[in-house]
């Protein structure tokens, strides 16, 4: 089993910044990709940003230029630096890791419990 734990959410004014962090832990696993998703009240969970093991990133269009995702493969961590935050960025942010457990053949999705981000105008 792989555990994924987020931290760093909170309340911020519009135009401000927040940094979210996530760490994956467990034994005998490899991570293919890590990323962040968010879910606003009454809406479906949506992609924020992902990064694979080669450092290739993917961002939702509305986050491009404002959010940056960083991954440390050695530490199995991923961070999301969010700037120029808007009230519509409010939601629960979930960390995701696509992992392979020994013998590293099948792929599994591991999710954190989420961290609340609230942006007020």
C-alpha atoms as a PDB file:
ATOM      1  CA  UNK A   1       0.000   0.000   0.000  1.00  0.00           C
ATOM      2  CA  UNK A   2       1.091   3.546  -0.706  1.00  0.00           C
ATOM      3  CA  UNK A   3      -0.048   6.453   1.431  1.00  0.00           C
ATOM      4  CA  UNK A   4      -0.364   9.930   0.010  1.00  0.00           C
ATOM      5  CA  UNK A   5      -0.579  12.897   2.363  1.00  0.00           C
ATOM      6  CA  UNK A   6      -1.144  16.532   1.441  1.00  0.00           C
ATOM      7  CA  UNK A   7      -0.416  19.682   3.387  1.00  0.00           C
ATOM      8  CA  UNK A   8      -0.417  23.425   2.889  1.00  0.00           C
ATOM      9  CA  UNK A   9      -3.989  24.413   2.193  1.00  0.00           C
ATOM     10  CA  UNK A  10      -5.626  27.404   3.798  1.00  0.00           C
ATOM     11  CA  UNK A  11      -7.381  30.709   3.362  1.00  0.00           C
ATOM     12  CA  UNK A  12      -5.888  33.363   1.112  1.00  0.00           C
ATOM     13  CA  UNK A  13      -7.003  36.591  -0.499  1.00  0.00           C
ATOM     14  CA  UNK A  14      -7.468  36.844  -4.223  1.00  0.00           C
ATOM     15  CA  UNK A  15      -4.171  37.576  -5.910  1.00  0.00           C
ATOM     16  CA  UNK A  16      -2.249  35.779  -3.208  1.00  0.00           C
ATOM     17  CA  UNK A  17      -0.163  32.615  -3.269  1.00  0.00           C
ATOM     18  CA  UNK A  18      -0.174  29.220  -1.614  1.00  0.00           C
ATOM     19  CA  UNK A  19       2.086  26.217  -1.807  1.00  0.00           C
ATOM     20  CA  UNK A  20       0.728  22.708  -1.449  1.00  0.00           C
ATOM     21  CA  UNK A  21       2.939  19.758  -0.656  1.00  0.00           C
ATOM     22  CA  UNK A  22       2.396  16.042  -0.972  1.00  0.00           C
ATOM     23  CA  UNK A  23       4.413  13.022   0.055  1.00  0.00           C
ATOM     24  CA  UNK A  24       3.949   9.400  -0.907  1.00  0.00           C
ATOM     25  CA  UNK A  25       5.188   6.677   1.387  1.00  0.00           C
ATOM     26  CA  UNK A  26       5.139   2.916   1.550  1.00  0.00           C
ATOM     27  CA  UNK A  27       7.340   0.021   0.616  1.00  0.00           C
ATOM     28  CA  UNK A  28       8.407  -1.606  -2.637  1.00  0.00           C
ATOM     29  CA  UNK A  29       6.765   0.874  -4.970  1.00  0.00           C
ATOM     30  CA  UNK A  30       7.575   3.090  -7.895  1.00  0.00           C
ATOM     31  CA  UNK A  31       5.725   6.189  -8.959  1.00  0.00           C
ATOM     32  CA  UNK A  32       4.907   6.765 -12.607  1.00  0.00           C
ATOM     33  CA  UNK A  33       3.261  10.138 -12.184  1.00  0.00           C
ATOM     34  CA  UNK A  34       2.134  12.511  -9.477  1.00  0.00           C
ATOM     35  CA  UNK A  35      -0.277  15.337  -9.681  1.00  0.00           C
ATOM     36  CA  UNK A  36      -2.954  17.534  -8.235  1.00  0.00           C
ATOM     37  CA  UNK A  37      -6.677  17.560  -8.808  1.00  0.00           C
ATOM     38  CA  UNK A  38      -9.307  19.745  -7.242  1.00  0.00           C
ATOM     39  CA  UNK A  39     -12.989  19.593  -6.531  1.00  0.00           C
ATOM     40  CA  UNK A  40     -15.138  22.617  -5.956  1.00  0.00           C
ATOM     41  CA  UNK A  41     -18.413  22.320  -4.085  1.00  0.00           C
ATOM     42  CA  UNK A  42     -21.047  20.764  -6.296  1.00  0.00           C
ATOM     43  CA  UNK A  43     -18.636  20.086  -9.132  1.00  0.00           C
ATOM     44  CA  UNK A  44     -16.660  17.150 -10.416  1.00  0.00           C
ATOM     45  CA  UNK A  45     -13.028  16.609  -9.597  1.00  0.00           C
ATOM     46  CA  UNK A  46     -10.821  18.186 -12.231  1.00  0.00           C
ATOM     47  CA  UNK A  47      -7.193  18.086 -13.247  1.00  0.00           C
ATOM     48  CA  UNK A  48      -4.909  20.815 -11.969  1.00  0.00           C
ATOM     49  CA  UNK A  49      -1.452  19.606 -12.965  1.00  0.00           C
ATOM     50  CA  UNK A  50       0.572  16.428 -13.309  1.00  0.00           C
ATOM     51  CA  UNK A  51       4.238  15.555 -13.666  1.00  0.00           C
ATOM     52  CA  UNK A  52       5.680  12.227 -14.734  1.00  0.00           C
ATOM     53  CA  UNK A  53       8.921  10.574 -13.708  1.00  0.00           C
ATOM     54  CA  UNK A  54      10.757  12.322 -16.568  1.00  0.00           C
ATOM     55  CA  UNK A  55       9.635  15.720 -15.328  1.00  0.00           C
ATOM     56  CA  UNK A  56       7.143  16.290 -18.119  1.00  0.00           C
ATOM     57  CA  UNK A  57       4.317  18.450 -16.834  1.00  0.00           C
ATOM     58  CA  UNK A  58       0.727  18.920 -17.855  1.00  0.00           C
ATOM     59  CA  UNK A  59      -1.516  21.750 -16.693  1.00  0.00           C
ATOM     60  CA  UNK A  60      -5.172  22.524 -17.044  1.00  0.00           C
ATOM     61  CA  UNK A  61      -5.579  25.567 -19.265  1.00  0.00           C
ATOM     62  CA  UNK A  62      -6.937  27.772 -16.497  1.00  0.00           C
ATOM     63  CA  UNK A  63      -3.852  27.105 -14.351  1.00  0.00           C
ATOM     64  CA  UNK A  64      -1.185  27.704 -16.966  1.00  0.00           C
ATOM     65  CA  UNK A  65       1.038  30.612 -16.056  1.00  0.00           C
ATOM     66  CA  UNK A  66      -0.281  30.753 -12.494  1.00  0.00           C
ATOM     67  CA  UNK A  67       0.485  27.330 -11.046  1.00  0.00           C
ATOM     68  CA  UNK A  68       3.727  25.394 -11.091  1.00  0.00           C
ATOM     69  CA  UNK A  69       4.200  21.755 -10.172  1.00  0.00           C
ATOM     70  CA  UNK A  70       7.475  20.442  -8.793  1.00  0.00           C
ATOM     71  CA  UNK A  71       8.453  16.852  -8.171  1.00  0.00           C
ATOM     72  CA  UNK A  72      11.302  15.307  -6.235  1.00  0.00           C
ATOM     73  CA  UNK A  73      11.649  11.725  -7.436  1.00  0.00           C
ATOM     74  CA  UNK A  74      14.148  10.799  -4.750  1.00  0.00           C
ATOM     75  CA  UNK A  75      11.803  11.886  -1.969  1.00  0.00           C
ATOM     76  CA  UNK A  76       8.532  10.847  -3.653  1.00  0.00           C
ATOM     77  CA  UNK A  77       7.134  14.306  -3.145  1.00  0.00           C
ATOM     78  CA  UNK A  78       5.304  16.786  -5.297  1.00  0.00           C
ATOM     79  CA  UNK A  79       4.505  20.419  -4.639  1.00  0.00           C
ATOM     80  CA  UNK A  80       2.129  22.857  -6.253  1.00  0.00           C
ATOM     81  CA  UNK A  81       2.996  26.538  -6.161  1.00  0.00           C
ATOM     82  CA  UNK A  82      -0.125  28.567  -6.787  1.00  0.00           C
ATOM     83  CA  UNK A  83       0.028  32.276  -7.567  1.00  0.00           C
ATOM     84  CA  UNK A  84      -2.475  34.922  -8.644  1.00  0.00           C
ATOM     85  CA  UNK A  85      -5.186  32.935  -6.931  1.00  0.00           C
ATOM     86  CA  UNK A  86      -8.797  33.606  -7.799  1.00  0.00           C
ATOM     87  CA  UNK A  87     -11.985  32.865  -5.871  1.00  0.00           C
ATOM     88  CA  UNK A  88     -12.805  30.230  -8.489  1.00  0.00           C
ATOM     89  CA  UNK A  89      -9.681  28.339  -7.423  1.00  0.00           C
ATOM     90  CA  UNK A  90     -11.466  27.500  -4.167  1.00  0.00           C
ATOM     91  CA  UNK A  91     -11.912  23.814  -3.556  1.00  0.00           C
ATOM     92  CA  UNK A  92     -10.447  20.687  -2.060  1.00  0.00           C
ATOM     93  CA  UNK A  93      -7.119  19.856  -3.631  1.00  0.00           C
ATOM     94  CA  UNK A  94      -6.175  16.206  -3.875  1.00  0.00           C
ATOM     95  CA  UNK A  95      -2.761  14.751  -4.452  1.00  0.00           C
ATOM     96  CA  UNK A  96      -2.610  11.760  -6.757  1.00  0.00           C
ATOM     97  CA  UNK A  97       0.112   9.233  -7.394  1.00  0.00           C
ATOM     98  CA  UNK A  98       0.053   6.575 -10.078  1.00  0.00           C
ATOM     99  CA  UNK A  99       2.125   3.827  -8.546  1.00  0.00           C
ATOM    100  CA  UNK A 100       3.452   0.400  -9.326  1.00  0.00           C
ATOM    101  CA  UNK A 101       3.750  -2.058  -6.486  1.00  0.00           C
ATOM    102  CA  UNK A 102       6.266  -4.911  -6.543  1.00  0.00           C
ATOM    103  CA  UNK A 103       6.866  -6.520  -9.053  1.00  0.00           C
ATOM    104  CA  UNK A 104       6.107  -3.177 -10.718  1.00  0.00           C
ATOM    105  CA  UNK A 105       3.776  -4.466 -13.403  1.00  0.00           C
ATOM    106  CA  UNK A 106       0.263  -3.318 -12.585  1.00  0.00           C
ATOM    107  CA  UNK A 107      -0.602   0.332 -12.002  1.00  0.00           C
ATOM    108  CA  UNK A 108      -2.589   1.639  -9.059  1.00  0.00           C
ATOM    109  CA  UNK A 109      -4.012   5.036  -8.228  1.00  0.00           C
ATOM    110  CA  UNK A 110      -3.374   6.428  -4.762  1.00  0.00           C
ATOM    111  CA  UNK A 111      -5.165   9.518  -3.518  1.00  0.00           C
ATOM    112  CA  UNK A 112      -4.647  11.772  -0.560  1.00  0.00           C
ATOM    113  CA  UNK A 113      -7.509  12.875   1.631  1.00  0.00           C
ATOM    114  CA  UNK A 114      -7.432  16.393   0.273  1.00  0.00           C
ATOM    115  CA  UNK A 115      -6.618  19.830   1.584  1.00  0.00           C
ATOM    116  CA  UNK A 116      -8.956  22.802   1.482  1.00  0.00           C
ATOM    117  CA  UNK A 117      -7.986  25.930  -0.411  1.00  0.00           C
ATOM    118  CA  UNK A 118     -10.238  28.936   0.010  1.00  0.00           C
ATOM    119  CA  UNK A 119      -9.667  32.134  -1.941  1.00  0.00           C
ATOM    120  CA  UNK A 120     -11.638  35.173  -0.828  1.00  0.00           C
ATOM    121  CA  UNK A 121     -12.082  38.396  -2.737  1.00  0.00           C
END
